[in-house]
Amino acid sequence: MITGRTRGGAEWTPPFVTVLDQVKSIGCGRCYKVCPRTLLDLVERELDTEDEGDNEDDNMMVTALANAMDCIGCGACGRVCPKGCYTYAPA
């Protein structure tokens, strides 16, 4: 497990992103904008429509993990996510 110390000397274990739930994602892009690394990407997700006569768009943009190994454990993505899409775990 990776641990470090805060500026005050307290031990700290960073919470790295392990899962991003795209079903919950509304594609607001808040996490994408706040991430200081290349962790996230906006991708197109096809929606399941039961009514084929529906004229609404069948696709939407959602956030996806593009490079999970680039996570530095800052947790900024989860703090700005209005839907709680992120799951974290120590390395």
Protein backbone atom coordinates (compact mmCIF):
# COMPACT_ATOMS: atom_id res chain seq x y z
CA MET A 1 0.00 0.00 0.00
CA ILE A 2 1.29 3.45 -0.91
CA THR A 3 1.38 5.87 2.00
CA GLY A 4 2.77 9.32 2.40
CA ARG A 5 2.80 12.16 4.83
CA THR A 6 0.90 15.41 4.90
CA ARG A 7 2.69 18.71 5.27
CA GLY A 8 1.98 18.49 9.00
CA GLY A 9 3.59 15.05 9.20
CA ALA A 10 0.45 12.91 9.52
CA GLU A 11 0.41 9.63 7.60
CA TRP A 12 -1.88 9.71 4.53
CA THR A 13 -3.00 6.94 2.16
CA PRO A 14 -4.27 8.32 -1.17
CA PRO A 15 -7.63 6.99 -2.44
CA PHE A 16 -7.04 6.01 -6.07
CA VAL A 17 -9.95 5.72 -8.52
CA THR A 18 -10.80 2.08 -9.19
CA VAL A 19 -14.25 2.32 -10.81
CA LEU A 20 -16.24 4.98 -12.64
CA ASP A 21 -19.91 3.99 -12.97
CA GLN A 22 -20.94 5.13 -16.46
CA VAL A 23 -24.57 4.20 -15.83
CA LYS A 24 -24.77 6.89 -13.13
CA SER A 25 -22.80 9.44 -15.18
CA ILE A 26 -24.83 12.33 -16.58
CA GLY A 27 -21.95 13.64 -18.71
CA CYS A 28 -21.76 17.01 -16.94
CA GLY A 29 -17.95 17.05 -17.35
CA ARG A 30 -17.24 18.48 -13.88
CA CYS A 31 -14.79 15.71 -13.01
CA TYR A 32 -13.16 15.92 -16.45
CA LYS A 33 -12.51 19.63 -15.94
CA VAL A 34 -11.15 19.33 -12.40
CA CYS A 35 -8.82 16.34 -12.92
CA PRO A 36 -5.18 17.54 -12.94
CA ARG A 37 -4.03 14.46 -14.88
CA THR A 38 -5.03 12.58 -18.07
CA LEU A 39 -7.19 10.15 -16.11
CA LEU A 40 -10.57 10.89 -17.71
CA ASP A 41 -12.12 11.19 -21.14
CA LEU A 42 -15.57 12.06 -22.45
CA VAL A 43 -17.00 9.27 -24.60
CA GLU A 44 -20.30 8.60 -26.33
CA ARG A 45 -22.63 6.07 -24.68
CA GLU A 46 -25.58 4.59 -26.49
CA LEU A 47 -28.83 4.72 -24.57
CA ASP A 48 -31.30 1.84 -24.48
CA THR A 49 -34.64 3.02 -25.83
CA GLU A 50 -37.69 0.81 -25.58
CA ASP A 51 -39.76 3.08 -27.79
CA GLU A 52 -38.23 3.01 -31.27
CA GLY A 53 -40.52 5.83 -32.38
CA ASP A 54 -38.91 8.22 -29.91
CA ASN A 55 -37.26 11.15 -31.71
CA GLU A 56 -34.84 12.01 -28.91
CA ASP A 57 -31.10 11.43 -29.30
CA ASP A 58 -30.09 7.83 -28.71
CA ASN A 59 -26.58 8.75 -27.58
CA MET A 60 -25.03 10.91 -24.86
CA MET A 61 -21.57 11.87 -23.64
CA VAL A 62 -20.39 10.31 -20.38
CA THR A 63 -17.10 10.28 -18.50
CA ALA A 64 -14.83 7.24 -18.78
CA LEU A 65 -11.51 6.18 -17.29
CA ALA A 66 -8.99 6.79 -20.05
CA ASN A 67 -5.80 6.19 -18.06
CA ALA A 68 -6.56 4.88 -14.56
CA MET A 69 -2.86 4.41 -13.82
CA ASP A 70 -2.39 8.20 -14.05
CA CYS A 71 -4.50 8.78 -10.90
CA ILE A 72 -2.61 10.64 -8.15
CA GLY A 73 -5.28 10.05 -5.49
CA CYS A 74 -6.35 13.67 -5.04
CA GLY A 75 -10.07 12.75 -4.99
CA ALA A 76 -11.13 15.94 -6.79
CA CYS A 77 -13.29 13.99 -9.24
CA GLY A 78 -15.43 12.47 -6.51
CA ARG A 79 -15.83 15.75 -4.65
CA VAL A 80 -17.37 17.49 -7.69
CA CYS A 81 -19.42 14.51 -8.95
CA PRO A 82 -23.14 15.16 -8.32
CA LYS A 83 -24.08 11.50 -8.89
CA GLY A 84 -21.45 9.61 -6.84
CA CYS A 85 -19.99 7.79 -9.84
CA TYR A 86 -16.56 7.11 -8.33
CA THR A 87 -15.22 4.23 -6.23
CA TYR A 88 -11.80 4.53 -4.58
CA ALA A 89 -9.31 2.17 -2.96
CA PRO A 90 -5.73 2.45 -1.71
CA ALA A 91 -3.06 1.10 -4.06
